All heavy atoms as atom14 arrays in JSON, in Angstrom:
{
  "sequence": "LPEIIDSIVATCQKETCLSHISPELIPSRQAVREILSRMR",
  "atom14_mask": [
    [1, 1, 1, 1, 1, 1, 1, 1, 0, 0, 0, 0, 0, 0],
    [1, 1, 1, 1, 1, 1, 1, 0, 0, 0, 0, 0, 0, 0],
    [1, 1, 1, 1, 1, 1, 1, 1, 1, 0, 0, 0, 0, 0],
    [1, 1, 1, 1, 1, 1, 1, 1, 0, 0, 0, 0, 0, 0],
    [1, 1, 1, 1, 1, 1, 1, 1, 0, 0, 0, 0, 0, 0],
    [1, 1, 1, 1, 1, 1, 1, 1, 0, 0, 0, 0, 0, 0],
    [1, 1, 1, 1, 1, 1, 0, 0, 0, 0, 0, 0, 0, 0],
    [1, 1, 1, 1, 1, 1, 1, 1, 0, 0, 0, 0, 0, 0],
    [1, 1, 1, 1, 1, 1, 1, 0, 0, 0, 0, 0, 0, 0],
    [1, 1, 1, 1, 1, 0, 0, 0, 0, 0, 0, 0, 0, 0],
    [1, 1, 1, 1, 1, 1, 1, 0, 0, 0, 0, 0, 0, 0],
    [1, 1, 1, 1, 1, 1, 0, 0, 0, 0, 0, 0, 0, 0],
    [1, 1, 1, 1, 1, 1, 1, 1, 1, 0, 0, 0, 0, 0],
    [1, 1, 1, 1, 1, 1, 1, 1, 1, 0, 0, 0, 0, 0],
    [1, 1, 1, 1, 1, 1, 1, 1, 1, 0, 0, 0, 0, 0],
    [1, 1, 1, 1, 1, 1, 1, 0, 0, 0, 0, 0, 0, 0],
    [1, 1, 1, 1, 1, 1, 0, 0, 0, 0, 0, 0, 0, 0],
    [1, 1, 1, 1, 1, 1, 1, 1, 0, 0, 0, 0, 0, 0],
    [1, 1, 1, 1, 1, 1, 0, 0, 0, 0, 0, 0, 0, 0],
    [1, 1, 1, 1, 1, 1, 1, 1, 1, 1, 0, 0, 0, 0],
    [1, 1, 1, 1, 1, 1, 1, 1, 0, 0, 0, 0, 0, 0],
    [1, 1, 1, 1, 1, 1, 0, 0, 0, 0, 0, 0, 0, 0],
    [1, 1, 1, 1, 1, 1, 1, 0, 0, 0, 0, 0, 0, 0],
    [1, 1, 1, 1, 1, 1, 1, 1, 1, 0, 0, 0, 0, 0],
    [1, 1, 1, 1, 1, 1, 1, 1, 0, 0, 0, 0, 0, 0],
    [1, 1, 1, 1, 1, 1, 1, 1, 0, 0, 0, 0, 0, 0],
    [1, 1, 1, 1, 1, 1, 1, 0, 0, 0, 0, 0, 0, 0],
    [1, 1, 1, 1, 1, 1, 0, 0, 0, 0, 0, 0, 0, 0],
    [1, 1, 1, 1, 1, 1, 1, 1, 1, 1, 1, 0, 0, 0],
    [1, 1, 1, 1, 1, 1, 1, 1, 1, 0, 0, 0, 0, 0],
    [1, 1, 1, 1, 1, 0, 0, 0, 0, 0, 0, 0, 0, 0],
    [1, 1, 1, 1, 1, 1, 1, 0, 0, 0, 0, 0, 0, 0],
    [1, 1, 1, 1, 1, 1, 1, 1, 1, 1, 1, 0, 0, 0],
    [1, 1, 1, 1, 1, 1, 1, 1, 1, 0, 0, 0, 0, 0],
    [1, 1, 1, 1, 1, 1, 1, 1, 0, 0, 0, 0, 0, 0],
    [1, 1, 1, 1, 1, 1, 1, 1, 0, 0, 0, 0, 0, 0],
    [1, 1, 1, 1, 1, 1, 0, 0, 0, 0, 0, 0, 0, 0],
    [1, 1, 1, 1, 1, 1, 1, 1, 1, 1, 1, 0, 0, 0],
    [1, 1, 1, 1, 1, 1, 1, 1, 0, 0, 0, 0, 0, 0],
    [1, 1, 1, 1, 1, 1, 1, 1, 1, 1, 1, 0, 0, 0]
  ],
  "atom14_positions": [
    [[132.37, -120.82, -19.09], [132.31, -121.97, -20.0], [133.66, -122.28, -20.6], [134.0, -123.47, -20.78], [131.23, -121.69, -21.03], [129.76, -121.72, -20.58], [128.85, -121.43, -21.74], [129.46, -123.05, -19.94], [0.0, 0.0, 0.0], [0.0, 0.0, 0.0], [0.0, 0.0, 0.0], [0.0, 0.0, 0.0], [0.0, 0.0, 0.0], [0.0, 0.0, 0.0]],
    [[134.45, -121.28, -21.06], [135.73, -121.69, -21.7], [136.61, -122.55, -20.82], [137.26, -123.51, -21.37], [136.4, -120.28, -21.95], [135.21, -119.35, -22.09], [134.23, -119.84, -21.11], [0.0, 0.0, 0.0], [0.0, 0.0, 0.0], [0.0, 0.0, 0.0], [0.0, 0.0, 0.0], [0.0, 0.0, 0.0], [0.0, 0.0, 0.0], [0.0, 0.0, 0.0]],
    [[136.66, -122.26, -19.52], [137.47, -123.09, -18.65], [136.97, -124.55, -18.6], [137.71, -125.52, -18.63], [137.49, -122.51, -17.23], [138.38, -123.29, -16.23], [138.4, -122.63, -14.88], [137.88, -121.51, -14.75], [138.93, -123.28, -13.97], [0.0, 0.0, 0.0], [0.0, 0.0, 0.0], [0.0, 0.0, 0.0], [0.0, 0.0, 0.0], [0.0, 0.0, 0.0]],
    [[135.62, -124.67, -18.56], [135.03, -126.03, -18.56], [135.32, -126.74, -19.88], [135.65, -127.9, -19.89], [133.5, -125.92, -18.32], [133.24, -125.43, -16.89], [132.79, -127.29, -18.57], [131.76, -125.14, -16.63], [0.0, 0.0, 0.0], [0.0, 0.0, 0.0], [0.0, 0.0, 0.0], [0.0, 0.0, 0.0], [0.0, 0.0, 0.0], [0.0, 0.0, 0.0]],
    [[135.18, -126.01, -20.99], [135.46, -126.59, -22.3], [136.91, -127.08, -22.41], [137.18, -128.18, -22.88], [135.16, -125.53, -23.41], [133.62, -125.29, -23.48], [135.7, -126.02, -24.77], [133.28, -124.09, -24.31], [0.0, 0.0, 0.0], [0.0, 0.0, 0.0], [0.0, 0.0, 0.0], [0.0, 0.0, 0.0], [0.0, 0.0, 0.0], [0.0, 0.0, 0.0]],
    [[137.84, -126.2, -21.95], [139.29, -126.63, -21.95], [139.49, -127.86, -21.14], [140.28, -128.75, -21.52], [140.15, -125.47, -21.46], [140.22, -124.3, -22.38], [139.91, -124.48, -23.58], [140.57, -123.19, -21.89], [0.0, 0.0, 0.0], [0.0, 0.0, 0.0], [0.0, 0.0, 0.0], [0.0, 0.0, 0.0], [0.0, 0.0, 0.0], [0.0, 0.0, 0.0]],
    [[138.82, -128.0, -19.97], [138.95, -129.18, -19.15], [138.45, -130.4, -19.85], [139.11, -131.47, -19.82], [138.17, -128.97, -17.85], [138.18, -130.09, -17.08], [0.0, 0.0, 0.0], [0.0, 0.0, 0.0], [0.0, 0.0, 0.0], [0.0, 0.0, 0.0], [0.0, 0.0, 0.0], [0.0, 0.0, 0.0], [0.0, 0.0, 0.0], [0.0, 0.0, 0.0]],
    [[137.31, -130.33, -20.51], [136.73, -131.44, -21.28], [137.65, -131.87, -22.41], [137.95, -133.06, -22.62], [135.32, -131.17, -21.75], [134.38, -130.96, -20.58], [134.82, -132.26, -22.64], [132.99, -130.44, -20.9], [0.0, 0.0, 0.0], [0.0, 0.0, 0.0], [0.0, 0.0, 0.0], [0.0, 0.0, 0.0], [0.0, 0.0, 0.0], [0.0, 0.0, 0.0]],
    [[138.16, -130.84, -23.16], [139.03, -131.13, -24.3], [140.33, -131.87, -23.8], [140.8, -132.81, -24.42], [139.37, -129.86, -25.08], [140.47, -130.1, -26.07], [138.13, -129.34, -25.77], [0.0, 0.0, 0.0], [0.0, 0.0, 0.0], [0.0, 0.0, 0.0], [0.0, 0.0, 0.0], [0.0, 0.0, 0.0], [0.0, 0.0, 0.0], [0.0, 0.0, 0.0]],
    [[140.87, -131.41, -22.71], [142.07, -131.96, -22.16], [141.82, -133.42, -21.76], [142.63, -134.31, -21.99], [142.58, -131.17, -20.98], [0.0, 0.0, 0.0], [0.0, 0.0, 0.0], [0.0, 0.0, 0.0], [0.0, 0.0, 0.0], [0.0, 0.0, 0.0], [0.0, 0.0, 0.0], [0.0, 0.0, 0.0], [0.0, 0.0, 0.0], [0.0, 0.0, 0.0]],
    [[140.66, -133.7, -21.17], [140.34, -135.06, -20.77], [140.18, -135.97, -21.99], [140.62, -137.13, -21.97], [139.03, -135.12, -19.96], [139.2, -134.21, -18.82], [138.74, -136.47, -19.49], [0.0, 0.0, 0.0], [0.0, 0.0, 0.0], [0.0, 0.0, 0.0], [0.0, 0.0, 0.0], [0.0, 0.0, 0.0], [0.0, 0.0, 0.0], [0.0, 0.0, 0.0]],
    [[139.57, -135.42, -23.04], [139.39, -136.22, -24.28], [140.69, -136.68, -24.94], [140.69, -137.62, -25.69], [138.59, -135.42, -25.32], [136.84, -135.17, -24.88], [0.0, 0.0, 0.0], [0.0, 0.0, 0.0], [0.0, 0.0, 0.0], [0.0, 0.0, 0.0], [0.0, 0.0, 0.0], [0.0, 0.0, 0.0], [0.0, 0.0, 0.0], [0.0, 0.0, 0.0]],
    [[141.76, -135.95, -24.57], [143.08, -136.31, -25.19], [143.85, -137.33, -24.36], [144.99, -137.68, -24.68], [143.9, -135.06, -25.38], [143.25, -134.11, -26.42], [143.89, -132.73, -26.42], [144.58, -132.35, -25.46], [143.69, -131.97, -27.53], [0.0, 0.0, 0.0], [0.0, 0.0, 0.0], [0.0, 0.0, 0.0], [0.0, 0.0, 0.0], [0.0, 0.0, 0.0]],
    [[143.25, -137.79, -23.27], [143.86, -138.77, -22.39], [143.33, -140.17, -22.72], [142.23, -140.31, -23.22], [143.6, -138.43, -20.94], [144.21, -137.13, -20.5], [143.87, -136.85, -19.02], [144.47, -135.53, -18.55], [144.1, -135.18, -17.17], [0.0, 0.0, 0.0], [0.0, 0.0, 0.0], [0.0, 0.0, 0.0], [0.0, 0.0, 0.0], [0.0, 0.0, 0.0]],
    [[144.15, -141.2, -22.35], [143.77, -142.59, -22.64], [142.56, -143.02, -21.84], [141.82, -143.96, -22.24], [144.95, -143.53, -22.38], [146.08, -143.37, -23.4], [147.19, -144.37, -23.1], [147.03, -145.15, -22.16], [148.21, -144.34, -23.83], [0.0, 0.0, 0.0], [0.0, 0.0, 0.0], [0.0, 0.0, 0.0], [0.0, 0.0, 0.0], [0.0, 0.0, 0.0]],
    [[142.3, -142.35, -20.71], [141.19, -142.76, -19.87], [139.84, -142.31, -20.44], [138.79, -142.76, -19.94], [141.34, -142.13, -18.49], [141.55, -140.7, -18.64], [142.5, -142.74, -17.76], [0.0, 0.0, 0.0], [0.0, 0.0, 0.0], [0.0, 0.0, 0.0], [0.0, 0.0, 0.0], [0.0, 0.0, 0.0], [0.0, 0.0, 0.0], [0.0, 0.0, 0.0]],
    [[139.87, -141.51, -21.45], [138.62, -141.01, -22.1], [138.32, -141.97, -23.3], [139.11, -142.07, -24.25], [138.72, -139.62, -22.57], [137.26, -139.02, -23.47], [0.0, 0.0, 0.0], [0.0, 0.0, 0.0], [0.0, 0.0, 0.0], [0.0, 0.0, 0.0], [0.0, 0.0, 0.0], [0.0, 0.0, 0.0], [0.0, 0.0, 0.0], [0.0, 0.0, 0.0]],
    [[137.16, -142.64, -23.26], [136.74, -143.42, -24.43], [136.04, -142.53, -25.43], [134.94, -142.0, -25.17], [135.82, -144.58, -23.97], [136.4, -145.58, -22.97], [135.35, -146.55, -22.54], [137.6, -146.27, -23.64], [0.0, 0.0, 0.0], [0.0, 0.0, 0.0], [0.0, 0.0, 0.0], [0.0, 0.0, 0.0], [0.0, 0.0, 0.0], [0.0, 0.0, 0.0]],
    [[136.69, -142.34, -26.58], [136.15, -141.36, -27.54], [136.43, -141.85, -28.93], [137.26, -142.78, -29.17], [136.77, -139.99, -27.35], [138.19, -140.06, -27.61], [0.0, 0.0, 0.0], [0.0, 0.0, 0.0], [0.0, 0.0, 0.0], [0.0, 0.0, 0.0], [0.0, 0.0, 0.0], [0.0, 0.0, 0.0], [0.0, 0.0, 0.0], [0.0, 0.0, 0.0]],
    [[135.74, -141.25, -29.93], [136.06, -141.48, -31.32], [136.3, -140.09, -31.91], [135.37, -139.43, -32.45], [134.89, -142.15, -32.05], [135.11, -142.28, -33.5], [136.02, -143.23, -34.03], [134.61, -141.63, -34.58], [136.06, -143.1, -35.34], [135.23, -142.16, -35.69], [0.0, 0.0, 0.0], [0.0, 0.0, 0.0], [0.0, 0.0, 0.0], [0.0, 0.0, 0.0]],
    [[137.51, -139.62, -31.79], [137.87, -138.3, -32.31], [138.75, -138.54, -33.53], [139.99, -138.84, -33.45], [138.65, -137.47, -31.23], [137.71, -137.32, -30.04], [139.02, -136.12, -31.75], [138.4, -136.72, -28.82], [0.0, 0.0, 0.0], [0.0, 0.0, 0.0], [0.0, 0.0, 0.0], [0.0, 0.0, 0.0], [0.0, 0.0, 0.0], [0.0, 0.0, 0.0]],
    [[138.17, -138.47, -34.66], [138.85, -138.89, -35.9], [138.15, -138.3, -37.13], [136.88, -138.14, -37.05], [138.87, -140.41, -36.02], [139.3, -140.87, -37.3], [0.0, 0.0, 0.0], [0.0, 0.0, 0.0], [0.0, 0.0, 0.0], [0.0, 0.0, 0.0], [0.0, 0.0, 0.0], [0.0, 0.0, 0.0], [0.0, 0.0, 0.0], [0.0, 0.0, 0.0]],
    [[138.83, -138.01, -38.13], [138.16, -137.53, -39.38], [137.38, -138.65, -40.09], [136.54, -138.4, -40.9], [139.32, -137.05, -40.3], [140.5, -137.75, -39.78], [140.31, -137.92, -38.3], [0.0, 0.0, 0.0], [0.0, 0.0, 0.0], [0.0, 0.0, 0.0], [0.0, 0.0, 0.0], [0.0, 0.0, 0.0], [0.0, 0.0, 0.0], [0.0, 0.0, 0.0]],
    [[137.7, -139.93, -39.7], [137.01, -141.04, -40.32], [135.63, -141.25, -39.64], [135.54, -141.21, -38.41], [137.85, -142.33, -40.16], [139.16, -142.26, -40.92], [138.98, -142.08, -42.43], [137.94, -142.5, -42.93], [139.83, -141.45, -43.07], [0.0, 0.0, 0.0], [0.0, 0.0, 0.0], [0.0, 0.0, 0.0], [0.0, 0.0, 0.0], [0.0, 0.0, 0.0]],
    [[134.6, -141.49, -40.43], [133.26, -141.65, -39.87], [133.11, -143.04, -39.2], [133.67, -144.01, -39.64], [132.22, -141.54, -41.02], [132.09, -140.13, -41.64], [131.15, -140.21, -42.84], [131.64, -139.1, -40.66], [0.0, 0.0, 0.0], [0.0, 0.0, 0.0], [0.0, 0.0, 0.0], [0.0, 0.0, 0.0], [0.0, 0.0, 0.0], [0.0, 0.0, 0.0]],
    [[132.35, -143.01, -38.15], [132.02, -144.24, -37.44], [130.6, -144.65, -37.84], [129.81, -143.78, -38.32], [132.04, -143.98, -35.91], [132.14, -145.28, -35.12], [130.88, -143.14, -35.43], [132.48, -145.11, -33.61], [0.0, 0.0, 0.0], [0.0, 0.0, 0.0], [0.0, 0.0, 0.0], [0.0, 0.0, 0.0], [0.0, 0.0, 0.0], [0.0, 0.0, 0.0]],
    [[130.24, -145.92, -37.8], [128.87, -146.29, -38.16], [127.8, -145.52, -37.37], [127.98, -145.17, -36.2], [128.84, -147.85, -37.81], [130.24, -148.24, -37.92], [131.03, -147.1, -37.45], [0.0, 0.0, 0.0], [0.0, 0.0, 0.0], [0.0, 0.0, 0.0], [0.0, 0.0, 0.0], [0.0, 0.0, 0.0], [0.0, 0.0, 0.0], [0.0, 0.0, 0.0]],
    [[126.69, -145.24, -38.04], [125.63, -144.39, -37.5], [124.49, -145.22, -36.97], [123.95, -146.08, -37.64], [125.18, -143.45, -38.58], [123.9, -142.89, -38.25], [0.0, 0.0, 0.0], [0.0, 0.0, 0.0], [0.0, 0.0, 0.0], [0.0, 0.0, 0.0], [0.0, 0.0, 0.0], [0.0, 0.0, 0.0], [0.0, 0.0, 0.0], [0.0, 0.0, 0.0]],
    [[124.12, -144.98, -35.73], [122.94, -145.68, -35.14], [121.68, -145.32, -35.93], [120.85, -146.18, -36.11], [122.78, -145.27, -33.68], [123.93, -145.79, -32.8], [123.73, -145.38, -31.37], [122.58, -146.04, -30.76], [122.1, -145.78, -29.6], [122.65, -144.77, -28.88], [121.09, -146.45, -29.07], [0.0, 0.0, 0.0], [0.0, 0.0, 0.0], [0.0, 0.0, 0.0]],
    [[121.55, -144.1, -36.32], [120.37, -143.66, -37.07], [120.34, -144.37, -38.43], [119.27, -144.86, -38.85], [120.37, -142.14, -37.3], [119.17, -141.58, -38.04], [119.18, -140.07, -38.12], [120.06, -139.4, -37.56], [118.23, -139.55, -38.87], [0.0, 0.0, 0.0], [0.0, 0.0, 0.0], [0.0, 0.0, 0.0], [0.0, 0.0, 0.0], [0.0, 0.0, 0.0]],
    [[121.46, -144.52, -39.1], [121.52, -145.25, -40.36], [121.18, -146.74, -40.16], [120.48, -147.33, -41.05], [122.87, -145.08, -41.01], [0.0, 0.0, 0.0], [0.0, 0.0, 0.0], [0.0, 0.0, 0.0], [0.0, 0.0, 0.0], [0.0, 0.0, 0.0], [0.0, 0.0, 0.0], [0.0, 0.0, 0.0], [0.0, 0.0, 0.0], [0.0, 0.0, 0.0]],
    [[121.62, -147.3, -39.09], [121.31, -148.72, -38.79], [119.81, -148.86, -38.65], [119.23, -149.88, -39.19], [122.03, -149.2, -37.52], [121.5, -150.51, -36.98], [123.57, -149.38, -37.82], [0.0, 0.0, 0.0], [0.0, 0.0, 0.0], [0.0, 0.0, 0.0], [0.0, 0.0, 0.0], [0.0, 0.0, 0.0], [0.0, 0.0, 0.0], [0.0, 0.0, 0.0]],
    [[119.14, -147.98, -37.94], [117.7, -148.07, -37.75], [116.98, -147.97, -39.11], [116.05, -148.64, -39.39], [117.2, -147.01, -36.82], [117.64, -147.27, -35.37], [116.78, -146.36, -34.41], [117.06, -144.97, -34.58], [118.06, -144.34, -33.86], [118.8, -144.99, -33.06], [118.25, -143.03, -34.05], [0.0, 0.0, 0.0], [0.0, 0.0, 0.0], [0.0, 0.0, 0.0]],
    [[117.54, -147.09, -39.99], [116.94, -146.94, -41.32], [117.15, -148.21, -42.13], [116.22, -148.62, -42.84], [117.51, -145.73, -42.02], [116.84, -145.46, -43.4], [117.33, -144.24, -44.1], [118.15, -143.5, -43.5], [116.93, -143.97, -45.23], [0.0, 0.0, 0.0], [0.0, 0.0, 0.0], [0.0, 0.0, 0.0], [0.0, 0.0, 0.0], [0.0, 0.0, 0.0]],
    [[118.32, -148.79, -42.04], [118.58, -150.06, -42.78], [117.6, -151.11, -42.32], [116.98, -151.85, -43.15], [120.06, -150.48, -42.57], [120.99, -149.63, -43.35], [120.2, -151.98, -42.95], [122.43, -149.79, -43.01], [0.0, 0.0, 0.0], [0.0, 0.0, 0.0], [0.0, 0.0, 0.0], [0.0, 0.0, 0.0], [0.0, 0.0, 0.0], [0.0, 0.0, 0.0]],
    [[117.4, -151.26, -41.03], [116.5, -152.29, -40.48], [115.06, -152.02, -40.99], [114.3, -152.97, -41.32], [116.52, -152.31, -38.99], [117.83, -152.87, -38.44], [117.83, -152.76, -36.91], [118.05, -154.33, -38.8], [0.0, 0.0, 0.0], [0.0, 0.0, 0.0], [0.0, 0.0, 0.0], [0.0, 0.0, 0.0], [0.0, 0.0, 0.0], [0.0, 0.0, 0.0]],
    [[114.64, -150.75, -40.96], [113.31, -150.46, -41.45], [113.14, -150.81, -42.85], [112.11, -151.41, -43.28], [113.03, -148.91, -41.24], [111.81, -148.55, -41.8], [0.0, 0.0, 0.0], [0.0, 0.0, 0.0], [0.0, 0.0, 0.0], [0.0, 0.0, 0.0], [0.0, 0.0, 0.0], [0.0, 0.0, 0.0], [0.0, 0.0, 0.0], [0.0, 0.0, 0.0]],
    [[114.11, -150.48, -43.73], [114.0, -150.76, -45.12], [114.13, -152.27, -45.41], [113.51, -152.82, -46.29], [115.01, -149.98, -45.9], [114.78, -148.49, -45.93], [115.76, -147.72, -46.73], [115.46, -146.29, -46.76], [114.62, -145.73, -47.66], [114.04, -146.46, -48.56], [114.42, -144.4, -47.59], [0.0, 0.0, 0.0], [0.0, 0.0, 0.0], [0.0, 0.0, 0.0]],
    [[114.93, -152.99, -44.64], [115.06, -154.42, -44.77], [113.76, -155.11, -44.46], [113.35, -156.07, -45.13], [116.18, -154.94, -43.88], [117.58, -154.81, -44.41], [117.91, -155.76, -45.88], [117.93, -157.44, -45.23], [0.0, 0.0, 0.0], [0.0, 0.0, 0.0], [0.0, 0.0, 0.0], [0.0, 0.0, 0.0], [0.0, 0.0, 0.0], [0.0, 0.0, 0.0]],
    [[113.07, -154.63, -43.41], [111.77, -155.22, -43.1], [110.74, -155.01, -44.24], [109.89, -155.88, -44.52], [111.2, -154.65, -41.81], [111.94, -155.09, -40.56], [111.32, -154.58, -39.3], [110.12, -155.32, -38.95], [109.09, -154.82, -38.27], [109.02, -153.56, -37.95], [108.1, -155.61, -37.93], [0.0, 0.0, 0.0], [0.0, 0.0, 0.0], [0.0, 0.0, 0.0]]
  ]
}
């Protein structure tokens, strides 16, 4: 597993990997569903 993990981490650091690796939070799909439920 460590070798596989290193490979995935290395890929995540390339431009070809679409990722959100950041200390800043991204909007939450779960929170959006809760907002819609409460809005209804």
